[in-house]
Amino acid sequence: MADKKETKKSSIKSNKSKSHYVPNLRKLYDEEIVSGLKKSFNYSNVMEVPKINSISLNIGIGDAKNNSKGLESAIDELTLISGQKPITTKAKKDISNFKIRKGWPVGCKVTLRSNRMYEFLERLIAVALPRTRDFRGLSFKSFDGRGNYNFGIREQIIFTEIDYDKIQSIRGMNVTITTSSKTDDEAYQLLKMIGLPLREKPVKQDIEEAA
């Protein structure tokens, strides 16, 4: 009986330690970014402060129907990069120019939320993007007008989880960061404060002088 009680106590302690884990970027958001954005945009309520809702990774493979090994390889690579099993995306309609039929596999995608999302974002900012060839920052023009940000990665080998000797081919992917921001300016400030290497927006005075 005493042994059972001790094992129960140890399992409760381990569960508590797991539940207390908070990613570094989540801590940064809660402790510094929320107050910073509240001052910048004069929010009356903390609930108005924008946050990142999800990050989606998408790999498109045109010949996935005929090249099943290529699709499997892409799924395995996306699993390593994200730490989560992706789903296979299928064509929604027939496209005769690309010889694609409705329902055929055309790639794979995965959507990250919560702790896993913050962990991926930290690896992306600190390790992956600096390994990109001739990297000069991400464009500030890639917002969609509703506070969401899209950008492309040309080579999956910038992620340290990928073994260069085991990949089938070099392939890129699309990354979509979905936020609760109502405007692009709010989303830009949020991502900039989190650490995403966005290029600086030109100030209005600089634009007028150049004109």
N, C-alpha and C. Protein backbone atom coordinates (compact mmCIF):
# COMPACT_ATOMS: atom_id res chain seq x y z
N MET A 1 0.83 -1.21 0.00
CA MET A 1 0.00 0.00 0.00
C MET A 1 0.86 1.25 0.00
N ALA A 2 1.93 1.20 0.82
CA ALA A 2 2.82 2.37 0.93
C ALA A 2 3.50 2.64 -0.41
N ASP A 3 3.89 1.54 -1.10
CA ASP A 3 4.54 1.70 -2.42
C ASP A 3 3.60 2.33 -3.43
N LYS A 4 2.31 1.93 -3.39
CA LYS A 4 1.32 2.48 -4.32
C LYS A 4 1.13 3.97 -4.08
N LYS A 5 1.08 4.36 -2.79
CA LYS A 5 0.91 5.78 -2.46
C LYS A 5 2.09 6.60 -2.95
N GLU A 6 3.30 6.05 -2.78
CA GLU A 6 4.50 6.77 -3.23
C GLU A 6 4.52 6.94 -4.75
N THR A 7 4.12 5.89 -5.47
CA THR A 7 4.08 5.98 -6.95
C THR A 7 3.04 7.00 -7.39
N LYS A 8 1.88 7.04 -6.69
CA LYS A 8 0.85 8.02 -7.01
C LYS A 8 1.36 9.44 -6.80
N LYS A 9 2.05 9.65 -5.66
CA LYS A 9 2.59 10.98 -5.35
C LYS A 9 3.61 11.40 -6.40
N SER A 10 4.50 10.49 -6.80
CA SER A 10 5.53 10.81 -7.80
C SER A 10 4.91 11.14 -9.15
N SER A 11 3.82 10.39 -9.52
CA SER A 11 3.16 10.66 -10.80
C SER A 11 2.46 12.01 -10.78
N ILE A 12 1.86 12.36 -9.62
CA ILE A 12 1.21 13.67 -9.48
C ILE A 12 2.23 14.79 -9.60
N LYS A 13 3.40 14.61 -8.95
CA LYS A 13 4.47 15.61 -9.02
C LYS A 13 4.97 15.80 -10.45
N SER A 14 5.15 14.67 -11.18
CA SER A 14 5.63 14.75 -12.56
C SER A 14 4.62 15.44 -13.46
N ASN A 15 3.31 15.17 -13.22
CA ASN A 15 2.27 15.83 -14.00
C ASN A 15 2.24 17.32 -13.74
N LYS A 16 2.45 17.71 -12.47
CA LYS A 16 2.48 19.12 -12.11
C LYS A 16 3.64 19.83 -12.78
N SER A 17 4.83 19.18 -12.78
CA SER A 17 6.01 19.78 -13.39
C SER A 17 5.80 19.97 -14.90
N LYS A 18 5.11 19.00 -15.55
CA LYS A 18 4.83 19.12 -16.97
C LYS A 18 3.86 20.26 -17.25
N SER A 19 2.84 20.41 -16.40
CA SER A 19 1.84 21.45 -16.62
C SER A 19 2.41 22.84 -16.39
N HIS A 20 3.47 22.96 -15.58
CA HIS A 20 4.08 24.26 -15.31
C HIS A 20 5.04 24.70 -16.41
N TYR A 21 5.35 23.82 -17.36
CA TYR A 21 6.28 24.18 -18.42
C TYR A 21 5.67 25.25 -19.33
N VAL A 22 6.42 26.33 -19.55
CA VAL A 22 5.98 27.41 -20.43
C VAL A 22 7.13 27.73 -21.40
N PRO A 23 6.89 27.73 -22.72
CA PRO A 23 7.95 28.06 -23.68
C PRO A 23 8.47 29.49 -23.48
N ASN A 24 9.70 29.72 -23.90
CA ASN A 24 10.33 31.03 -23.69
C ASN A 24 9.57 32.18 -24.35
N LEU A 25 9.11 31.95 -25.58
CA LEU A 25 8.40 33.02 -26.29
C LEU A 25 7.04 33.30 -25.66
N ARG A 26 6.43 32.29 -25.06
CA ARG A 26 5.15 32.50 -24.35
C ARG A 26 5.39 33.37 -23.11
N LYS A 27 6.49 33.10 -22.40
CA LYS A 27 6.86 33.93 -21.24
C LYS A 27 7.10 35.37 -21.67
N LEU A 28 7.85 35.53 -22.77
CA LEU A 28 8.14 36.87 -23.29
C LEU A 28 6.86 37.61 -23.64
N TYR A 29 5.92 36.90 -24.27
CA TYR A 29 4.64 37.52 -24.65
C TYR A 29 3.86 37.97 -23.41
N ASP A 30 3.75 37.07 -22.42
CA ASP A 30 2.96 37.38 -21.22
C ASP A 30 3.59 38.49 -20.37
N GLU A 31 4.92 38.48 -20.28
CA GLU A 31 5.60 39.39 -19.34
C GLU A 31 5.94 40.75 -19.95
N GLU A 32 6.23 40.81 -21.25
CA GLU A 32 6.70 42.07 -21.85
C GLU A 32 5.85 42.56 -23.01
N ILE A 33 5.50 41.65 -23.93
CA ILE A 33 4.85 42.08 -25.17
C ILE A 33 3.44 42.60 -24.93
N VAL A 34 2.68 41.95 -24.05
CA VAL A 34 1.31 42.39 -23.77
C VAL A 34 1.29 43.83 -23.28
N SER A 35 2.13 44.15 -22.31
CA SER A 35 2.18 45.52 -21.78
C SER A 35 2.69 46.51 -22.83
N GLY A 36 3.67 46.08 -23.65
CA GLY A 36 4.22 46.95 -24.69
C GLY A 36 3.19 47.30 -25.75
N LEU A 37 2.42 46.31 -26.20
CA LEU A 37 1.39 46.55 -27.21
C LEU A 37 0.24 47.37 -26.64
N LYS A 38 -0.06 47.14 -25.37
CA LYS A 38 -1.15 47.90 -24.72
C LYS A 38 -0.83 49.39 -24.69
N LYS A 39 0.45 49.71 -24.43
CA LYS A 39 0.88 51.12 -24.43
C LYS A 39 0.90 51.70 -25.84
N SER A 40 1.40 50.92 -26.80
CA SER A 40 1.56 51.41 -28.17
C SER A 40 0.22 51.74 -28.82
N PHE A 41 -0.77 50.88 -28.62
CA PHE A 41 -2.06 51.04 -29.30
C PHE A 41 -3.19 51.50 -28.37
N ASN A 42 -2.85 51.82 -27.10
CA ASN A 42 -3.82 52.35 -26.13
C ASN A 42 -5.06 51.46 -25.97
N TYR A 43 -4.81 50.17 -25.78
CA TYR A 43 -5.93 49.26 -25.54
C TYR A 43 -6.47 49.50 -24.13
N SER A 44 -7.79 49.48 -24.00
CA SER A 44 -8.41 49.67 -22.69
C SER A 44 -8.47 48.37 -21.90
N ASN A 45 -8.43 47.24 -22.61
CA ASN A 45 -8.57 45.93 -21.97
C ASN A 45 -7.45 45.01 -22.46
N VAL A 46 -6.94 44.17 -21.57
CA VAL A 46 -5.88 43.22 -21.93
C VAL A 46 -6.35 42.24 -23.00
N MET A 47 -7.65 41.94 -23.01
CA MET A 47 -8.18 40.98 -23.97
C MET A 47 -8.13 41.52 -25.41
N GLU A 48 -7.96 42.84 -25.56
CA GLU A 48 -7.86 43.42 -26.91
C GLU A 48 -6.49 43.22 -27.53
N VAL A 49 -5.49 42.92 -26.70
CA VAL A 49 -4.11 42.77 -27.19
C VAL A 49 -4.03 41.58 -28.14
N PRO A 50 -3.51 41.77 -29.36
CA PRO A 50 -3.43 40.66 -30.33
C PRO A 50 -2.46 39.57 -29.89
N LYS A 51 -2.72 38.37 -30.36
CA LYS A 51 -1.85 37.22 -30.05
C LYS A 51 -1.79 36.31 -31.27
N ILE A 52 -0.82 35.40 -31.26
CA ILE A 52 -0.70 34.42 -32.35
C ILE A 52 -1.63 33.26 -32.05
N ASN A 53 -2.53 32.97 -33.00
CA ASN A 53 -3.49 31.88 -32.82
C ASN A 53 -2.93 30.53 -33.29
N SER A 54 -2.27 30.54 -34.45
CA SER A 54 -1.76 29.28 -34.99
C SER A 54 -0.70 29.55 -36.05
N ILE A 55 0.09 28.52 -36.34
CA ILE A 55 1.08 28.56 -37.43
C ILE A 55 0.86 27.33 -38.30
N SER A 56 0.66 27.57 -39.60
CA SER A 56 0.42 26.47 -40.55
C SER A 56 1.62 26.31 -41.48
N LEU A 57 2.05 25.07 -41.67
CA LEU A 57 3.14 24.75 -42.61
C LEU A 57 2.56 23.90 -43.73
N ASN A 58 2.88 24.28 -44.96
CA ASN A 58 2.30 23.59 -46.11
C ASN A 58 3.37 23.29 -47.15
N ILE A 59 3.44 22.04 -47.59
CA ILE A 59 4.35 21.64 -48.67
C ILE A 59 3.51 21.15 -49.84
N GLY A 60 3.72 21.74 -51.01
CA GLY A 60 3.00 21.32 -52.20
C GLY A 60 3.87 20.43 -53.07
N ILE A 61 3.29 19.31 -53.54
CA ILE A 61 4.01 18.36 -54.41
C ILE A 61 3.13 18.09 -55.62
N GLY A 62 3.55 18.61 -56.77
CA GLY A 62 2.73 18.50 -57.98
C GLY A 62 2.53 17.07 -58.45
N ASP A 63 3.56 16.25 -58.34
CA ASP A 63 3.48 14.88 -58.85
C ASP A 63 3.26 13.86 -57.74
N ALA A 64 2.54 14.26 -56.69
CA ALA A 64 2.34 13.37 -55.53
C ALA A 64 1.59 12.09 -55.90
N LYS A 65 0.69 12.17 -56.91
CA LYS A 65 -0.07 10.98 -57.32
C LYS A 65 0.84 9.90 -57.90
N ASN A 66 1.81 10.33 -58.74
CA ASN A 66 2.71 9.37 -59.38
C ASN A 66 3.97 9.11 -58.56
N ASN A 67 4.30 10.06 -57.68
CA ASN A 67 5.53 9.93 -56.88
C ASN A 67 5.16 9.76 -55.41
N SER A 68 4.75 8.56 -55.03
CA SER A 68 4.30 8.30 -53.67
C SER A 68 5.45 8.42 -52.66
N LYS A 69 6.68 8.07 -53.11
CA LYS A 69 7.84 8.17 -52.22
C LYS A 69 8.14 9.63 -51.89
N GLY A 70 7.94 10.51 -52.87
CA GLY A 70 8.15 11.94 -52.64
C GLY A 70 7.18 12.49 -51.60
N LEU A 71 5.92 12.04 -51.65
CA LEU A 71 4.91 12.47 -50.68
C LEU A 71 5.25 11.94 -49.29
N GLU A 72 5.65 10.67 -49.21
CA GLU A 72 6.03 10.07 -47.92
C GLU A 72 7.23 10.81 -47.32
N SER A 73 8.19 11.14 -48.17
CA SER A 73 9.38 11.87 -47.72
C SER A 73 8.99 13.24 -47.17
N ALA A 74 8.08 13.94 -47.88
CA ALA A 74 7.64 15.27 -47.44
C ALA A 74 6.91 15.19 -46.10
N ILE A 75 6.08 14.17 -45.93
CA ILE A 75 5.34 13.98 -44.67
C ILE A 75 6.31 13.71 -43.52
N ASP A 76 7.31 12.86 -43.77
CA ASP A 76 8.30 12.55 -42.72
C ASP A 76 9.10 13.80 -42.34
N GLU A 77 9.48 14.59 -43.34
CA GLU A 77 10.26 15.81 -43.07
C GLU A 77 9.44 16.83 -42.30
N LEU A 78 8.17 16.99 -42.69
CA LEU A 78 7.30 17.95 -42.00
C LEU A 78 7.02 17.49 -40.56
N THR A 79 6.97 16.18 -40.35
CA THR A 79 6.79 15.63 -39.00
C THR A 79 8.00 15.97 -38.13
N LEU A 80 9.20 15.83 -38.69
CA LEU A 80 10.43 16.15 -37.95
C LEU A 80 10.51 17.65 -37.63
N ILE A 81 10.14 18.47 -38.60
CA ILE A 81 10.25 19.92 -38.43
C ILE A 81 9.25 20.44 -37.40
N SER A 82 8.01 19.94 -37.47
CA SER A 82 6.94 20.48 -36.62
C SER A 82 6.73 19.72 -35.32
N GLY A 83 7.16 18.43 -35.30
CA GLY A 83 6.90 17.62 -34.12
C GLY A 83 5.46 17.15 -34.04
N GLN A 84 4.76 17.18 -35.17
CA GLN A 84 3.35 16.80 -35.21
C GLN A 84 3.05 16.13 -36.55
N LYS A 85 2.18 15.15 -36.55
CA LYS A 85 1.88 14.41 -37.79
C LYS A 85 1.04 15.27 -38.74
N PRO A 86 1.52 15.53 -39.98
CA PRO A 86 0.74 16.33 -40.93
C PRO A 86 -0.36 15.52 -41.61
N ILE A 87 -1.28 16.24 -42.25
CA ILE A 87 -2.33 15.58 -43.03
C ILE A 87 -2.02 15.76 -44.52
N THR A 88 -2.51 14.85 -45.34
CA THR A 88 -2.31 14.94 -46.79
C THR A 88 -3.37 15.84 -47.38
N THR A 89 -2.96 16.84 -48.17
CA THR A 89 -3.91 17.73 -48.83
C THR A 89 -4.26 17.15 -50.20
N LYS A 90 -5.55 17.30 -50.59
CA LYS A 90 -6.02 16.75 -51.86
C LYS A 90 -6.61 17.85 -52.73
N ALA A 91 -6.53 17.67 -54.04
CA ALA A 91 -7.04 18.66 -54.99
C ALA A 91 -8.56 18.80 -54.82
N LYS A 92 -9.03 20.06 -54.79
CA LYS A 92 -10.46 20.32 -54.61
C LYS A 92 -11.23 20.28 -55.93
N LYS A 93 -10.50 20.41 -57.05
CA LYS A 93 -11.16 20.35 -58.36
C LYS A 93 -10.16 19.87 -59.42
N ASP A 94 -10.67 19.54 -60.58
CA ASP A 94 -9.81 19.11 -61.70
C ASP A 94 -9.06 20.31 -62.28
N ILE A 95 -7.76 20.13 -62.54
CA ILE A 95 -6.95 21.15 -63.20
C ILE A 95 -6.26 20.50 -64.40
N SER A 96 -6.81 20.75 -65.59
CA SER A 96 -6.33 20.04 -66.79
C SER A 96 -4.91 20.46 -67.17
N ASN A 97 -4.56 21.74 -66.93
CA ASN A 97 -3.22 22.21 -67.29
C ASN A 97 -2.11 21.46 -66.55
N PHE A 98 -2.41 21.07 -65.32
CA PHE A 98 -1.43 20.36 -64.50
C PHE A 98 -1.69 18.85 -64.46
N LYS A 99 -2.69 18.40 -65.24
CA LYS A 99 -3.07 16.99 -65.29
C LYS A 99 -3.39 16.44 -63.90
N ILE A 100 -4.19 17.22 -63.17
CA ILE A 100 -4.57 16.85 -61.80
C ILE A 100 -6.08 16.64 -61.74
N ARG A 101 -6.49 15.55 -61.12
CA ARG A 101 -7.91 15.25 -60.94
C ARG A 101 -8.35 15.58 -59.51
N LYS A 102 -9.63 15.84 -59.35
CA LYS A 102 -10.19 16.11 -58.02
C LYS A 102 -9.98 14.91 -57.10
N GLY A 103 -9.47 15.20 -55.88
CA GLY A 103 -9.25 14.14 -54.90
C GLY A 103 -7.85 13.56 -54.91
N TRP A 104 -7.04 13.93 -55.89
CA TRP A 104 -5.65 13.45 -55.93
C TRP A 104 -4.82 14.15 -54.87
N PRO A 105 -3.86 13.46 -54.24
CA PRO A 105 -2.99 14.12 -53.26
C PRO A 105 -2.07 15.14 -53.94
N VAL A 106 -1.95 16.32 -53.35
CA VAL A 106 -1.10 17.38 -53.93
C VAL A 106 -0.08 17.93 -52.94
N GLY A 107 -0.03 17.37 -51.74
CA GLY A 107 0.93 17.85 -50.75
C GLY A 107 0.54 17.45 -49.34
N CYS A 108 1.09 18.17 -48.36
CA CYS A 108 0.76 17.91 -46.96
C CYS A 108 0.85 19.21 -46.15
N LYS A 109 0.15 19.26 -45.05
CA LYS A 109 0.17 20.46 -44.21
C LYS A 109 -0.04 20.08 -42.75
N VAL A 110 0.39 20.99 -41.88
CA VAL A 110 0.23 20.78 -40.44
C VAL A 110 -0.04 22.14 -39.80
N THR A 111 -0.92 22.15 -38.79
CA THR A 111 -1.25 23.38 -38.07
C THR A 111 -0.83 23.23 -36.62
N LEU A 112 -0.02 24.18 -36.15
CA LEU A 112 0.51 24.14 -34.78
C LEU A 112 -0.20 25.18 -33.91
N ARG A 113 -0.47 24.79 -32.68
CA ARG A 113 -1.09 25.71 -31.72
C ARG A 113 -0.44 25.54 -30.35
N SER A 114 -0.71 26.49 -29.46
CA SER A 114 -0.29 26.42 -28.06
C SER A 114 1.24 26.29 -27.93
N ASN A 115 1.71 25.46 -26.99
CA ASN A 115 3.15 25.35 -26.70
C ASN A 115 3.97 24.91 -27.90
N ARG A 116 3.45 23.95 -28.66
CA ARG A 116 4.19 23.45 -29.82
C ARG A 116 4.40 24.56 -30.86
N MET A 117 3.44 25.46 -30.97
CA MET A 117 3.54 26.59 -31.88
C MET A 117 4.66 27.54 -31.46
N TYR A 118 4.72 27.86 -30.16
CA TYR A 118 5.76 28.76 -29.65
C TYR A 118 7.15 28.13 -29.75
N GLU A 119 7.22 26.81 -29.53
CA GLU A 119 8.51 26.11 -29.65
C GLU A 119 9.02 26.15 -31.08
N PHE A 120 8.11 25.91 -32.04
CA PHE A 120 8.52 25.96 -33.45
C PHE A 120 8.97 27.36 -33.84
N LEU A 121 8.22 28.37 -33.38
CA LEU A 121 8.54 29.76 -33.71
C LEU A 121 9.92 30.15 -33.17
N GLU A 122 10.24 29.67 -31.97
CA GLU A 122 11.55 29.96 -31.38
C GLU A 122 12.68 29.32 -32.20
N ARG A 123 12.49 28.06 -32.63
CA ARG A 123 13.49 27.39 -33.46
C ARG A 123 13.63 28.09 -34.82
N LEU A 124 12.50 28.54 -35.35
CA LEU A 124 12.51 29.23 -36.64
C LEU A 124 13.31 30.53 -36.57
N ILE A 125 13.06 31.32 -35.51
CA ILE A 125 13.71 32.63 -35.37
C ILE A 125 15.19 32.48 -35.02
N ALA A 126 15.49 31.58 -34.08
CA ALA A 126 16.86 31.49 -33.53
C ALA A 126 17.80 30.65 -34.38
N VAL A 127 17.28 29.63 -35.07
CA VAL A 127 18.16 28.68 -35.75
C VAL A 127 17.93 28.64 -37.27
N ALA A 128 16.69 28.41 -37.68
CA ALA A 128 16.42 28.11 -39.10
C ALA A 128 16.62 29.31 -40.02
N LEU A 129 15.97 30.43 -39.74
CA LEU A 129 16.06 31.58 -40.65
C LEU A 129 17.49 32.12 -40.80
N PRO A 130 18.29 32.20 -39.71
CA PRO A 130 19.68 32.65 -39.89
C PRO A 130 20.52 31.72 -40.77
N ARG A 131 20.10 30.46 -40.94
CA ARG A 131 20.83 29.51 -41.79
C ARG A 131 20.45 29.65 -43.27
N THR A 132 19.46 30.52 -43.58
CA THR A 132 19.04 30.72 -44.96
C THR A 132 20.12 31.44 -45.75
N ARG A 133 20.32 31.00 -46.98
CA ARG A 133 21.35 31.63 -47.83
C ARG A 133 20.96 33.07 -48.18
N ASP A 134 21.91 34.00 -48.05
CA ASP A 134 21.70 35.42 -48.39
C ASP A 134 20.45 36.00 -47.71
N PHE A 135 20.27 35.67 -46.45
CA PHE A 135 19.07 36.12 -45.73
C PHE A 135 19.23 37.58 -45.30
N ARG A 136 18.25 38.40 -45.69
CA ARG A 136 18.29 39.84 -45.36
C ARG A 136 17.01 40.29 -44.66
N GLY A 137 16.33 39.38 -44.03
CA GLY A 137 15.10 39.73 -43.33
C GLY A 137 13.87 39.39 -44.16
N LEU A 138 12.75 39.26 -43.47
CA LEU A 138 11.47 38.95 -44.13
C LEU A 138 10.77 40.24 -44.55
N SER A 139 10.04 40.18 -45.65
CA SER A 139 9.35 41.36 -46.17
C SER A 139 8.21 41.78 -45.25
N PHE A 140 8.02 43.10 -45.12
CA PHE A 140 6.92 43.62 -44.30
C PHE A 140 5.64 43.76 -45.13
N LYS A 141 5.70 43.39 -46.42
CA LYS A 141 4.55 43.53 -47.31
C LYS A 141 3.73 42.25 -47.43
N SER A 142 4.10 41.22 -46.70
CA SER A 142 3.44 39.91 -46.87
C SER A 142 2.25 39.69 -45.95
N PHE A 143 1.70 40.76 -45.39
CA PHE A 143 0.48 40.65 -44.58
C PHE A 143 -0.74 40.65 -45.51
N ASP A 144 -1.80 39.98 -45.09
CA ASP A 144 -2.96 39.81 -45.98
C ASP A 144 -4.05 40.87 -45.79
N GLY A 145 -3.79 41.88 -44.93
CA GLY A 145 -4.80 42.91 -44.70
C GLY A 145 -5.68 42.63 -43.50
N ARG A 146 -5.59 41.41 -42.96
CA ARG A 146 -6.40 41.04 -41.78
C ARG A 146 -5.54 40.55 -40.63
N GLY A 147 -4.25 40.93 -40.66
CA GLY A 147 -3.38 40.62 -39.54
C GLY A 147 -2.68 39.27 -39.61
N ASN A 148 -2.76 38.59 -40.75
CA ASN A 148 -2.09 37.29 -40.91
C ASN A 148 -0.86 37.46 -41.81
N TYR A 149 0.19 36.68 -41.55
CA TYR A 149 1.45 36.84 -42.27
C TYR A 149 1.84 35.56 -42.99
N ASN A 150 2.23 35.70 -44.26
CA ASN A 150 2.65 34.55 -45.07
C ASN A 150 4.06 34.76 -45.61
N PHE A 151 4.85 33.72 -45.59
CA PHE A 151 6.16 33.78 -46.24
C PHE A 151 6.59 32.36 -46.64
N GLY A 152 7.51 32.31 -47.59
CA GLY A 152 7.96 31.03 -48.10
C GLY A 152 9.37 30.70 -47.66
N ILE A 153 9.63 29.41 -47.50
CA ILE A 153 10.98 28.91 -47.21
C ILE A 153 11.41 28.08 -48.42
N ARG A 154 12.53 28.42 -49.03
CA ARG A 154 12.95 27.76 -50.27
C ARG A 154 13.53 26.37 -50.04
N GLU A 155 14.23 26.18 -48.94
CA GLU A 155 14.90 24.90 -48.70
C GLU A 155 14.57 24.39 -47.30
N GLN A 156 14.13 23.13 -47.21
CA GLN A 156 13.79 22.56 -45.90
C GLN A 156 15.02 22.23 -45.08
N ILE A 157 16.21 22.26 -45.72
CA ILE A 157 17.44 21.87 -45.01
C ILE A 157 17.93 22.95 -44.04
N ILE A 158 17.26 24.12 -44.01
CA ILE A 158 17.65 25.14 -43.02
C ILE A 158 17.27 24.69 -41.60
N PHE A 159 16.36 23.73 -41.50
CA PHE A 159 15.97 23.19 -40.19
C PHE A 159 16.98 22.10 -39.79
N THR A 160 17.49 22.20 -38.59
CA THR A 160 18.51 21.26 -38.12
C THR A 160 17.97 19.84 -37.94
N GLU A 161 16.65 19.69 -37.88
CA GLU A 161 16.06 18.35 -37.71
C GLU A 161 16.22 17.51 -38.98
N ILE A 162 16.45 18.17 -40.12
CA ILE A 162 16.55 17.46 -41.40
C ILE A 162 17.99 17.02 -41.65
N ASP A 163 18.18 15.72 -41.93
CA ASP A 163 19.49 15.18 -42.27
C ASP A 163 19.67 15.30 -43.79
N TYR A 164 20.67 16.06 -44.21
CA TYR A 164 20.88 16.34 -45.64
C TYR A 164 21.10 15.06 -46.45
N ASP A 165 21.72 14.06 -45.84
CA ASP A 165 22.04 12.81 -46.56
C ASP A 165 20.81 11.92 -46.77
N LYS A 166 19.73 12.18 -46.03
CA LYS A 166 18.56 11.30 -46.10
C LYS A 166 17.40 11.88 -46.90
N ILE A 167 17.52 13.15 -47.33
CA ILE A 167 16.41 13.77 -48.05
C ILE A 167 16.37 13.27 -49.50
N GLN A 168 15.17 13.26 -50.08
CA GLN A 168 15.01 12.80 -51.46
C GLN A 168 15.29 13.94 -52.44
N SER A 169 14.82 15.16 -52.10
CA SER A 169 15.06 16.33 -52.96
C SER A 169 14.89 17.59 -52.12
N ILE A 170 15.44 18.69 -52.63
CA ILE A 170 15.27 19.99 -51.97
C ILE A 170 13.88 20.50 -52.30
N ARG A 171 13.11 20.82 -51.28
CA ARG A 171 11.76 21.36 -51.52
C ARG A 171 11.46 22.47 -50.52
N GLY A 172 10.64 23.39 -50.94
CA GLY A 172 10.28 24.52 -50.09
C GLY A 172 8.95 24.31 -49.39
N MET A 173 8.55 25.30 -48.63
CA MET A 173 7.26 25.23 -47.93
C MET A 173 6.73 26.63 -47.68
N ASN A 174 5.44 26.71 -47.43
CA ASN A 174 4.80 27.99 -47.11
C ASN A 174 4.45 28.01 -45.63
N VAL A 175 4.72 29.14 -44.98
CA VAL A 175 4.43 29.30 -43.55
C VAL A 175 3.39 30.41 -43.39
N THR A 176 2.30 30.11 -42.70
CA THR A 176 1.25 31.10 -42.44
C THR A 176 1.11 31.30 -40.94
N ILE A 177 1.31 32.54 -40.49
CA ILE A 177 1.15 32.88 -39.08
C ILE A 177 -0.18 33.62 -38.92
N THR A 178 -1.12 32.98 -38.23
CA THR A 178 -2.46 33.56 -38.03
C THR A 178 -2.52 34.25 -36.67
N THR A 179 -2.88 35.53 -36.67
CA THR A 179 -2.98 36.29 -35.41
C THR A 179 -4.40 36.80 -35.21
N SER A 180 -4.67 37.30 -34.01
CA SER A 180 -5.98 37.86 -33.71
C SER A 180 -6.02 39.37 -33.98
N SER A 181 -4.98 39.90 -34.63
CA SER A 181 -4.91 41.34 -34.93
C SER A 181 -5.99 41.74 -35.94
N LYS A 182 -6.50 42.96 -35.78
CA LYS A 182 -7.51 43.47 -36.71
C LYS A 182 -6.85 44.19 -37.88
N THR A 183 -5.64 44.72 -37.66
CA THR A 183 -4.94 45.44 -38.72
C THR A 183 -3.53 44.87 -38.91
N ASP A 184 -2.93 45.20 -40.06
CA ASP A 184 -1.58 44.73 -40.36
C ASP A 184 -0.54 45.39 -39.46
N ASP A 185 -0.79 46.66 -39.07
CA ASP A 185 0.16 47.37 -38.20
C ASP A 185 0.28 46.69 -36.84
N GLU A 186 -0.85 46.26 -36.30
CA GLU A 186 -0.84 45.56 -35.01
C GLU A 186 -0.09 44.23 -35.13
N ALA A 187 -0.36 43.50 -36.21
CA ALA A 187 0.32 42.22 -36.43
C ALA A 187 1.82 42.42 -36.63
N TYR A 188 2.19 43.47 -37.36
CA TYR A 188 3.61 43.76 -37.60
C TYR A 188 4.34 44.01 -36.27
N GLN A 189 3.74 44.83 -35.42
CA GLN A 189 4.36 45.13 -34.11
C GLN A 189 4.44 43.89 -33.23
N LEU A 190 3.40 43.07 -33.26
CA LEU A 190 3.38 41.83 -32.47
C LEU A 190 4.52 40.90 -32.89
N LEU A 191 4.64 40.64 -34.19
CA LEU A 191 5.67 39.72 -34.68
C LEU A 191 7.07 40.30 -34.51
N LYS A 192 7.17 41.62 -34.66
CA LYS A 192 8.46 42.29 -34.49
C LYS A 192 8.94 42.17 -33.04
N MET A 193 8.02 42.35 -32.09
CA MET A 193 8.38 42.26 -30.67
C MET A 193 8.69 40.82 -30.25
N ILE A 194 8.05 39.85 -30.90
CA ILE A 194 8.34 38.44 -30.60
C ILE A 194 9.73 38.05 -31.08
N GLY A 195 10.22 38.76 -32.13
CA GLY A 195 11.58 38.49 -32.60
C GLY A 195 11.68 38.06 -34.04
N LEU A 196 10.55 38.00 -34.76
CA LEU A 196 10.60 37.62 -36.17
C LEU A 196 11.38 38.69 -36.95
N PRO A 197 12.38 38.28 -37.74
CA PRO A 197 13.26 39.26 -38.40
C PRO A 197 12.61 39.94 -39.61
N LEU A 198 11.64 40.81 -39.32
CA LEU A 198 10.97 41.57 -40.39
C LEU A 198 11.79 42.81 -40.73
N ARG A 199 11.80 43.17 -42.01
CA ARG A 199 12.49 44.40 -42.41
C ARG A 199 11.75 45.61 -41.86
N GLU A 200 12.49 46.68 -41.63
CA GLU A 200 11.89 47.90 -41.08
C GLU A 200 10.99 48.56 -42.12
N LYS A 201 9.82 49.03 -41.66
CA LYS A 201 8.94 49.77 -42.55
C LYS A 201 9.50 51.17 -42.79
N PRO A 202 9.46 51.70 -44.03
CA PRO A 202 9.94 53.06 -44.26
C PRO A 202 9.02 54.08 -43.60
N VAL A 203 9.60 55.07 -42.94
CA VAL A 203 8.80 56.11 -42.27
C VAL A 203 8.24 57.05 -43.33
N LYS A 204 7.10 57.68 -43.04
CA LYS A 204 6.44 58.57 -44.01
C LYS A 204 7.35 59.70 -44.46
N GLN A 205 8.14 60.26 -43.54
CA GLN A 205 9.04 61.36 -43.87
C GLN A 205 10.07 60.92 -44.92
N ASP A 206 10.60 59.69 -44.74
CA ASP A 206 11.58 59.16 -45.71
C ASP A 206 10.98 59.00 -47.10
N ILE A 207 9.70 58.58 -47.13
CA ILE A 207 9.02 58.40 -48.41
C ILE A 207 8.82 59.75 -49.10
N GLU A 208 8.42 60.78 -48.32
CA GLU A 208 8.20 62.10 -48.89
C GLU A 208 9.50 62.69 -49.40
N GLU A 209 10.61 62.52 -48.66
CA GLU A 209 11.91 63.04 -49.09
C GLU A 209 12.38 62.35 -50.37
N ALA A 210 12.15 61.05 -50.46
CA ALA A 210 12.56 60.31 -51.65
C ALA A 210 11.76 60.76 -52.89
N ALA A 211 10.47 61.09 -52.65
CA ALA A 211 9.63 61.56 -53.75
C ALA A 211 10.04 62.97 -54.19
